[in-house]
C-alpha atoms as a PDB file:
ATOM      1  CA  UNK A   1    -248.479  37.417  90.221  1.00  0.00           C
ATOM      2  CA  UNK A   2    -247.537  39.175  86.969  1.00  0.00           C
ATOM      3  CA  UNK A   3    -249.578  38.500  83.919  1.00  0.00           C
ATOM      4  CA  UNK A   4    -247.885  37.053  80.859  1.00  0.00           C
ATOM      5  CA  UNK A   5    -247.975  40.429  79.059  1.00  0.00           C
ATOM      6  CA  UNK A   6    -246.498  42.249  82.022  1.00  0.00           C
ATOM      7  CA  UNK A   7    -243.777  39.636  82.241  1.00  0.00           C
ATOM      8  CA  UNK A   8    -242.877  40.177  78.592  1.00  0.00           C
ATOM      9  CA  UNK A   9    -242.571  43.972  79.146  1.00  0.00           C
ATOM     10  CA  UNK A  10    -240.286  43.557  82.127  1.00  0.00           C
ATOM     11  CA  UNK A  11    -238.192  41.055  80.231  1.00  0.00           C
ATOM     12  CA  UNK A  12    -237.841  43.450  77.293  1.00  0.00           C
ATOM     13  CA  UNK A  13    -236.822  46.312  79.574  1.00  0.00           C
ATOM     14  CA  UNK A  14    -234.198  44.188  81.282  1.00  0.00           C
ATOM     15  CA  UNK A  15    -232.850  43.048  77.878  1.00  0.00           C
ATOM     16  CA  UNK A  16    -232.499  46.665  76.689  1.00  0.00           C
ATOM     17  CA  UNK A  17    -230.742  47.635  79.908  1.00  0.00           C
ATOM     18  CA  UNK A  18    -228.335  44.712  79.486  1.00  0.00           C
ATOM     19  CA  UNK A  19    -227.559  45.637  75.875  1.00  0.00           C
ATOM     20  CA  UNK A  20    -226.916  49.292  76.854  1.00  0.00           C
ATOM     21  CA  UNK A  21    -224.537  48.246  79.589  1.00  0.00           C
ATOM     22  CA  UNK A  22    -222.554  45.679  77.620  1.00  0.00           C
ATOM     23  CA  UNK A  23    -222.569  46.994  74.046  1.00  0.00           C
ATOM     24  CA  UNK A  24    -222.814  50.459  72.388  1.00  0.00           C
ATOM     25  CA  UNK A  25    -220.503  52.371  70.037  1.00  0.00           C
ATOM     26  CA  UNK A  26    -216.660  52.702  70.480  1.00  0.00           C
ATOM     27  CA  UNK A  27    -215.306  55.795  72.303  1.00  0.00           C
ATOM     28  CA  UNK A  28    -214.594  58.868  70.093  1.00  0.00           C
ATOM     29  CA  UNK A  29    -210.998  59.258  68.812  1.00  0.00           C
ATOM     30  CA  UNK A  30    -208.545  61.336  70.794  1.00  0.00           C
ATOM     31  CA  UNK A  31    -208.558  64.951  69.724  1.00  0.00           C
ATOM     32  CA  UNK A  32    -205.280  66.152  68.183  1.00  0.00           C
ATOM     33  CA  UNK A  33    -203.269  68.494  70.368  1.00  0.00           C
ATOM     34  CA  UNK A  34    -201.243  71.524  69.233  1.00  0.00           C
ATOM     35  CA  UNK A  35    -198.080  69.500  69.641  1.00  0.00           C
ATOM     36  CA  UNK A  36    -199.410  66.824  67.344  1.00  0.00           C
ATOM     37  CA  UNK A  37    -200.172  69.329  64.587  1.00  0.00           C
ATOM     38  CA  UNK A  38    -196.781  71.167  64.730  1.00  0.00           C
ATOM     39  CA  UNK A  39    -194.212  69.660  62.365  1.00  0.00           C
ATOM     40  CA  UNK A  40    -190.979  68.524  64.010  1.00  0.00           C
ATOM     41  CA  UNK A  41    -188.094  70.881  63.365  1.00  0.00           C
ATOM     42  CA  UNK A  42    -184.659  69.525  62.573  1.00  0.00           C
ATOM     43  CA  UNK A  43    -181.822  70.926  64.622  1.00  0.00           C
ATOM     44  CA  UNK A  44    -178.331  71.466  63.264  1.00  0.00           C
ATOM     45  CA  UNK A  45    -175.381  73.865  63.189  1.00  0.00           C
ATOM     46  CA  UNK A  46    -176.126  77.502  62.417  1.00  0.00           C
ATOM     47  CA  UNK A  47    -174.197  78.856  59.436  1.00  0.00           C
ATOM     48  CA  UNK A  48    -173.188  82.521  59.395  1.00  0.00           C
ATOM     49  CA  UNK A  49    -171.141  84.276  56.729  1.00  0.00           C
ATOM     50  CA  UNK A  50    -168.650  86.998  57.647  1.00  0.00           C
ATOM     51  CA  UNK A  51    -166.637  88.953  55.110  1.00  0.00           C
ATOM     52  CA  UNK A  52    -162.858  89.004  55.479  1.00  0.00           C
ATOM     53  CA  UNK A  53    -162.559  92.736  54.748  1.00  0.00           C
ATOM     54  CA  UNK A  54    -165.023  95.220  56.189  1.00  0.00           C
ATOM     55  CA  UNK A  55    -165.258  98.990  56.253  1.00  0.00           C
ATOM     56  CA  UNK A  56    -163.629 101.553  58.542  1.00  0.00           C
ATOM     57  CA  UNK A  57    -164.895 104.949  59.589  1.00  0.00           C
ATOM     58  CA  UNK A  58    -162.798 107.318  57.453  1.00  0.00           C
ATOM     59  CA  UNK A  59    -162.975 110.233  59.887  1.00  0.00           C
ATOM     60  CA  UNK A  60    -161.700 108.041  62.713  1.00  0.00           C
ATOM     61  CA  UNK A  61    -158.935 106.669  60.498  1.00  0.00           C
ATOM     62  CA  UNK A  62    -157.829 110.215  59.596  1.00  0.00           C
ATOM     63  CA  UNK A  63    -157.895 111.176  63.275  1.00  0.00           C
ATOM     64  CA  UNK A  64    -155.684 108.217  64.216  1.00  0.00           C
ATOM     65  CA  UNK A  65    -153.144 109.082  61.522  1.00  0.00           C
ATOM     66  CA  UNK A  66    -153.221 112.736  62.569  1.00  0.00           C
ATOM     67  CA  UNK A  67    -152.526 111.689  66.160  1.00  0.00           C
ATOM     68  CA  UNK A  68    -149.441 109.825  64.869  1.00  0.00           C
ATOM     69  CA  UNK A  69    -147.846 112.831  63.139  1.00  0.00           C
ATOM     70  CA  UNK A  70    -145.713 113.864  66.112  1.00  0.00           C
ATOM     71  CA  UNK A  71    -144.345 110.341  66.323  1.00  0.00           C
ATOM     72  CA  UNK A  72    -143.572 110.403  62.591  1.00  0.00           C
ATOM     73  CA  UNK A  73    -141.687 113.677  62.995  1.00  0.00           C
ATOM     74  CA  UNK A  74    -139.696 112.243  65.883  1.00  0.00           C
ATOM     75  CA  UNK A  75    -138.786 109.227  63.742  1.00  0.00           C
ATOM     76  CA  UNK A  76    -137.692 111.516  60.905  1.00  0.00           C
ATOM     77  CA  UNK A  77    -135.564 113.669  63.197  1.00  0.00           C
ATOM     78  CA  UNK A  78    -133.822 110.589  64.557  1.00  0.00           C
ATOM     79  CA  UNK A  79    -133.101 109.368  61.027  1.00  0.00           C
ATOM     80  CA  UNK A  80    -131.791 112.773  59.997  1.00  0.00           C
ATOM     81  CA  UNK A  81    -129.017 112.444  62.577  1.00  0.00           C
ATOM     82  CA  UNK A  82    -127.587 109.731  60.339  1.00  0.00           C
ATOM     83  CA  UNK A  83    -128.604 111.122  56.927  1.00  0.00           C
ATOM     84  CA  UNK A  84    -129.049 114.861  57.226  1.00  0.00           C
ATOM     85  CA  UNK A  85    -131.115 115.290  54.033  1.00  0.00           C
ATOM     86  CA  UNK A  86    -133.490 112.415  54.844  1.00  0.00           C
ATOM     87  CA  UNK A  87    -136.987 112.893  53.401  1.00  0.00           C
ATOM     88  CA  UNK A  88    -139.472 111.508  50.918  1.00  0.00           C
ATOM     89  CA  UNK A  89    -142.997 110.187  50.491  1.00  0.00           C
ATOM     90  CA  UNK A  90    -144.673 107.198  52.134  1.00  0.00           C
ATOM     91  CA  UNK A  91    -147.966 105.349  51.678  1.00  0.00           C
ATOM     92  CA  UNK A  92    -149.167 103.301  54.663  1.00  0.00           C
ATOM     93  CA  UNK A  93    -151.351 100.212  54.387  1.00  0.00           C
ATOM     94  CA  UNK A  94    -152.687  98.892  57.692  1.00  0.00           C
ATOM     95  CA  UNK A  95    -154.898  95.893  58.376  1.00  0.00           C
ATOM     96  CA  UNK A  96    -157.046  96.524  61.461  1.00  0.00           C
ATOM     97  CA  UNK A  97    -158.583  93.637  63.418  1.00  0.00           C
ATOM     98  CA  UNK A  98    -161.918  93.434  65.244  1.00  0.00           C
ATOM     99  CA  UNK A  99    -160.500  94.932  68.443  1.00  0.00           C
ATOM    100  CA  UNK A 100    -159.149  98.052  66.727  1.00  0.00           C
ATOM    101  CA  UNK A 101    -155.533  96.876  66.802  1.00  0.00           C
ATOM    102  CA  UNK A 102    -153.094  96.726  63.889  1.00  0.00           C
ATOM    103  CA  UNK A 103    -152.871  93.142  62.631  1.00  0.00           C
ATOM    104  CA  UNK A 104    -150.253  94.030  59.994  1.00  0.00           C
ATOM    105  CA  UNK A 105    -148.642  97.192  58.624  1.00  0.00           C
ATOM    106  CA  UNK A 106    -146.313  97.964  55.749  1.00  0.00           C
ATOM    107  CA  UNK A 107    -145.578 100.622  53.145  1.00  0.00           C
ATOM    108  CA  UNK A 108    -147.146 100.257  49.724  1.00  0.00           C
ATOM    109  CA  UNK A 109    -144.733 102.972  48.599  1.00  0.00           C
ATOM    110  CA  UNK A 110    -141.820 104.790  50.194  1.00  0.00           C
ATOM    111  CA  UNK A 111    -138.928 106.957  49.060  1.00  0.00           C
ATOM    112  CA  UNK A 112    -137.600 107.741  52.528  1.00  0.00           C
ATOM    113  CA  UNK A 113    -134.503 105.624  51.991  1.00  0.00           C
ATOM    114  CA  UNK A 114    -134.177 104.641  55.645  1.00  0.00           C
ATOM    115  CA  UNK A 115    -135.388 101.284  56.903  1.00  0.00           C
ATOM    116  CA  UNK A 116    -134.843 102.330  60.510  1.00  0.00           C
ATOM    117  CA  UNK A 117    -137.033 105.418  60.047  1.00  0.00           C
ATOM    118  CA  UNK A 118    -139.755 103.409  58.316  1.00  0.00           C
ATOM    119  CA  UNK A 119    -139.736 100.811  61.091  1.00  0.00           C
ATOM    120  CA  UNK A 120    -140.061 103.591  63.662  1.00  0.00           C
ATOM    121  CA  UNK A 121    -143.120 104.982  61.853  1.00  0.00           C
ATOM    122  CA  UNK A 122    -144.736 101.550  61.570  1.00  0.00           C
ATOM    123  CA  UNK A 123    -144.218 101.016  65.294  1.00  0.00           C
ATOM    124  CA  UNK A 124    -145.951 104.358  65.885  1.00  0.00           C
ATOM    125  CA  UNK A 125    -149.126 103.333  64.032  1.00  0.00           C
ATOM    126  CA  UNK A 126    -149.144  99.927  65.729  1.00  0.00           C
ATOM    127  CA  UNK A 127    -149.273 101.685  69.087  1.00  0.00           C
ATOM    128  CA  UNK A 128    -152.478 103.547  68.188  1.00  0.00           C
ATOM    129  CA  UNK A 129    -156.091 102.439  68.658  1.00  0.00           C
ATOM    130  CA  UNK A 130    -158.010 102.357  65.382  1.00  0.00           C
ATOM    131  CA  UNK A 131    -161.716 102.157  64.548  1.00  0.00           C
ATOM    132  CA  UNK A 132    -163.174  98.668  64.552  1.00  0.00           C
ATOM    133  CA  UNK A 133    -164.121  97.256  61.141  1.00  0.00           C
ATOM    134  CA  UNK A 134    -167.795  96.978  60.251  1.00  0.00           C
ATOM    135  CA  UNK A 135    -169.055  94.045  58.171  1.00  0.00           C
ATOM    136  CA  UNK A 136    -165.793  92.104  58.153  1.00  0.00           C
ATOM    137  CA  UNK A 137    -163.053  90.569  60.265  1.00  0.00           C
ATOM    138  CA  UNK A 138    -160.512  93.209  59.215  1.00  0.00           C
ATOM    139  CA  UNK A 139    -160.502  96.708  57.790  1.00  0.00           C
ATOM    140  CA  UNK A 140    -157.876  98.382  55.591  1.00  0.00           C
ATOM    141  CA  UNK A 141    -156.531 101.855  56.398  1.00  0.00           C
ATOM    142  CA  UNK A 142    -154.471 103.760  53.832  1.00  0.00           C
ATOM    143  CA  UNK A 143    -152.754 107.129  54.093  1.00  0.00           C
ATOM    144  CA  UNK A 144    -149.939 108.939  52.264  1.00  0.00           C
ATOM    145  CA  UNK A 145    -147.543 111.570  53.567  1.00  0.00           C
ATOM    146  CA  UNK A 146    -144.721 113.687  52.157  1.00  0.00           C
ATOM    147  CA  UNK A 147    -141.853 114.522  54.493  1.00  0.00           C
ATOM    148  CA  UNK A 148    -139.349 117.270  53.830  1.00  0.00           C
ATOM    149  CA  UNK A 149    -135.868 116.980  55.275  1.00  0.00           C
ATOM    150  CA  UNK A 150    -135.994 118.348  58.837  1.00  0.00           C
ATOM    151  CA  UNK A 151    -132.597 119.994  58.398  1.00  0.00           C
ATOM    152  CA  UNK A 152    -131.994 123.085  56.281  1.00  0.00           C
ATOM    153  CA  UNK A 153    -129.490 121.413  54.018  1.00  0.00           C
ATOM    154  CA  UNK A 154    -128.804 121.014  50.334  1.00  0.00           C
ATOM    155  CA  UNK A 155    -130.777 118.028  48.946  1.00  0.00           C
ATOM    156  CA  UNK A 156    -128.901 115.055  47.495  1.00  0.00           C
ATOM    157  CA  UNK A 157    -128.219 114.759  43.791  1.00  0.00           C
ATOM    158  CA  UNK A 158    -130.945 112.838  41.987  1.00  0.00           C
ATOM    159  CA  UNK A 159    -129.713 109.707  40.228  1.00  0.00           C
ATOM    160  CA  UNK A 160    -131.380 107.743  37.437  1.00  0.00           C
ATOM    161  CA  UNK A 161    -131.465 103.962  37.584  1.00  0.00           C
ATOM    162  CA  UNK A 162    -128.744 103.535  34.985  1.00  0.00           C
ATOM    163  CA  UNK A 163    -126.282 105.454  37.204  1.00  0.00           C
ATOM    164  CA  UNK A 164    -126.763 102.874  39.947  1.00  0.00           C
ATOM    165  CA  UNK A 165    -126.860  99.884  37.572  1.00  0.00           C
ATOM    166  CA  UNK A 166    -123.143  98.947  37.860  1.00  0.00           C
ATOM    167  CA  UNK A 167    -123.320  98.625  41.630  1.00  0.00           C
ATOM    168  CA  UNK A 168    -126.662  96.827  41.493  1.00  0.00           C
ATOM    169  CA  UNK A 169    -125.320  94.259  39.043  1.00  0.00           C
ATOM    170  CA  UNK A 170    -122.582  93.237  41.470  1.00  0.00           C
ATOM    171  CA  UNK A 171    -125.132  92.253  44.143  1.00  0.00           C
ATOM    172  CA  UNK A 172    -127.784  90.673  41.902  1.00  0.00           C
ATOM    173  CA  UNK A 173    -127.176  87.166  43.293  1.00  0.00           C
ATOM    174  CA  UNK A 174    -127.480  88.331  46.896  1.00  0.00           C
ATOM    175  CA  UNK A 175    -130.695  90.174  46.049  1.00  0.00           C
ATOM    176  CA  UNK A 176    -132.163  87.043  44.482  1.00  0.00           C
ATOM    177  CA  UNK A 177    -131.284  85.011  47.575  1.00  0.00           C
ATOM    178  CA  UNK A 178    -133.018  87.531  49.833  1.00  0.00           C
ATOM    179  CA  UNK A 179    -136.180  87.519  47.728  1.00  0.00           C
ATOM    180  CA  UNK A 180    -136.520  83.727  48.149  1.00  0.00           C
ATOM    181  CA  UNK A 181    -138.211  83.327  44.815  1.00  0.00           C
ATOM    182  CA  UNK A 182    -140.757  86.076  45.412  1.00  0.00           C
ATOM    183  CA  UNK A 183    -141.758  87.923  42.279  1.00  0.00           C
ATOM    184  CA  UNK A 184    -143.230  91.375  41.916  1.00  0.00           C
ATOM    185  CA  UNK A 185    -141.900  94.902  41.907  1.00  0.00           C
ATOM    186  CA  UNK A 186    -139.611  95.442  44.894  1.00  0.00           C
ATOM    187  CA  UNK A 187    -138.619  99.118  44.914  1.00  0.00           C
ATOM    188  CA  UNK A 188    -135.484 100.346  46.643  1.00  0.00           C
ATOM    189  CA  UNK A 189    -134.451 103.860  47.645  1.00  0.00           C
ATOM    190  CA  UNK A 190    -130.882 104.538  48.714  1.00  0.00           C
ATOM    191  CA  UNK A 191    -128.476 107.358  49.452  1.00  0.00           C
ATOM    192  CA  UNK A 192    -125.001 106.938  47.993  1.00  0.00           C
ATOM    193  CA  UNK A 193    -122.110 108.822  49.565  1.00  0.00           C
ATOM    194  CA  UNK A 194    -119.341 110.557  47.647  1.00  0.00           C
ATOM    195  CA  UNK A 195    -117.145 107.470  48.089  1.00  0.00           C
ATOM    196  CA  UNK A 196    -119.793 105.196  46.553  1.00  0.00           C
ATOM    197  CA  UNK A 197    -120.788 103.616  49.851  1.00  0.00           C
ATOM    198  CA  UNK A 198    -124.484 103.454  50.766  1.00  0.00           C
ATOM    199  CA  UNK A 199    -125.409 105.789  53.598  1.00  0.00           C
ATOM    200  CA  UNK A 200    -128.911 104.396  54.079  1.00  0.00           C
ATOM    201  CA  UNK A 201    -131.516 102.338  52.202  1.00  0.00           C
ATOM    202  CA  UNK A 202    -135.098 101.122  52.297  1.00  0.00           C
ATOM    203  CA  UNK A 203    -137.179  98.716  50.206  1.00  0.00           C
ATOM    204  CA  UNK A 204    -140.902  98.641  49.441  1.00  0.00           C
ATOM    205  CA  UNK A 205    -142.369  95.129  48.907  1.00  0.00           C
ATOM    206  CA  UNK A 206    -144.974  94.275  46.265  1.00  0.00           C
ATOM    207  CA  UNK A 207    -147.421  93.070  48.929  1.00  0.00           C
ATOM    208  CA  UNK A 208    -147.795  92.339  52.624  1.00  0.00           C
ATOM    209  CA  UNK A 209    -146.156  88.901  52.373  1.00  0.00           C
ATOM    210  CA  UNK A 210    -142.994  90.437  50.939  1.00  0.00           C
ATOM    211  CA  UNK A 211    -142.326  92.487  54.061  1.00  0.00           C
ATOM    212  CA  UNK A 212    -140.521  89.556  55.670  1.00  0.00           C
ATOM    213  CA  UNK A 213    -137.558  89.801  53.256  1.00  0.00           C
ATOM    214  CA  UNK A 214    -137.060  93.583  53.489  1.00  0.00           C
ATOM    215  CA  UNK A 215    -134.393  93.535  56.189  1.00  0.00           C
ATOM    216  CA  UNK A 216    -132.323  91.070  54.168  1.00  0.00           C
ATOM    217  CA  UNK A 217    -132.539  93.245  51.041  1.00  0.00           C
ATOM    218  CA  UNK A 218    -131.670  96.425  52.946  1.00  0.00           C
ATOM    219  CA  UNK A 219    -128.658  94.689  54.479  1.00  0.00           C
ATOM    220  CA  UNK A 220    -127.361  93.711  51.033  1.00  0.00           C
ATOM    221  CA  UNK A 221    -127.900  97.207  49.643  1.00  0.00           C
ATOM    222  CA  UNK A 222    -126.220  98.983  52.550  1.00  0.00           C
ATOM    223  CA  UNK A 223    -123.157  96.730  52.203  1.00  0.00           C
ATOM    224  CA  UNK A 224    -122.839  97.434  48.466  1.00  0.00           C
ATOM    225  CA  UNK A 225    -120.542  99.886  46.706  1.00  0.00           C
ATOM    226  CA  UNK A 226    -121.725 102.067  43.830  1.00  0.00           C
ATOM    227  CA  UNK A 227    -119.969 104.539  41.523  1.00  0.00           C
ATOM    228  CA  UNK A 228    -119.143 107.843  43.161  1.00  0.00           C
ATOM    229  CA  UNK A 229    -121.788 110.514  42.525  1.00  0.00           C
ATOM    230  CA  UNK A 230    -119.131 113.199  42.705  1.00  0.00           C
ATOM    231  CA  UNK A 231    -118.768 115.913  45.295  1.00  0.00           C
ATOM    232  CA  UNK A 232    -122.223 115.496  46.832  1.00  0.00           C
ATOM    233  CA  UNK A 233    -124.223 112.382  47.841  1.00  0.00           C
ATOM    234  CA  UNK A 234    -126.911 111.041  45.516  1.00  0.00           C
ATOM    235  CA  UNK A 235    -130.362 109.573  46.029  1.00  0.00           C
ATOM    236  CA  UNK A 236    -131.929 106.994  43.733  1.00  0.00           C
ATOM    237  CA  UNK A 237    -135.145 104.990  43.631  1.00  0.00           C
ATOM    238  CA  UNK A 238    -135.077 101.867  41.472  1.00  0.00           C
ATOM    239  CA  UNK A 239    -136.586  98.431  40.950  1.00  0.00           C
ATOM    240  CA  UNK A 240    -134.623  95.475  42.302  1.00  0.00           C
END
């Protein structure tokens, strides 16, 4: 039999064991994971800015124009079959897209005086592959040329604007209708035969948007009658 003191020791030991099993401190908090510490990122559309007009490699642009020279000469020779002293200066402005193709083309300046010849030259540059623009959706290519008459013939008489004014006045209403309210300096070049009839004409628009009315203006000019320049045809460049 256990003594009273031994019984108290056993009872105390059992009580401590019971307390350890049933009580004690709460479990430690869950440690934070990497995912818990990383702030949540918002998702949304990505915004990128692209310039409308980029740059073009100048050497490649010059090479493309140089490759078009034979086509330009062919166009000029075809035009000279109609107007033997055909010639003048032109200034191309091309807008090149991201694939190296011509998105639009027109003449910033021209004194050729032949819409058919100009159209032929524009078709020639449209058929070429151009350098792709860098840093923009389109690139601008400019180039000027001077063309002498392909035939060995006496050049036309040079007219001033006032010499063509009487004929221009008679078609002022038709010109206004063709322009459809567009303002800006439209410049016309025309050859006038000895009988006052127009042999050929061309028109340079003030900007790219004006190119759509050129054929109408040329049609009005080529149907007009001007004073006779005398015994030899005349050439005149004037604002309309």
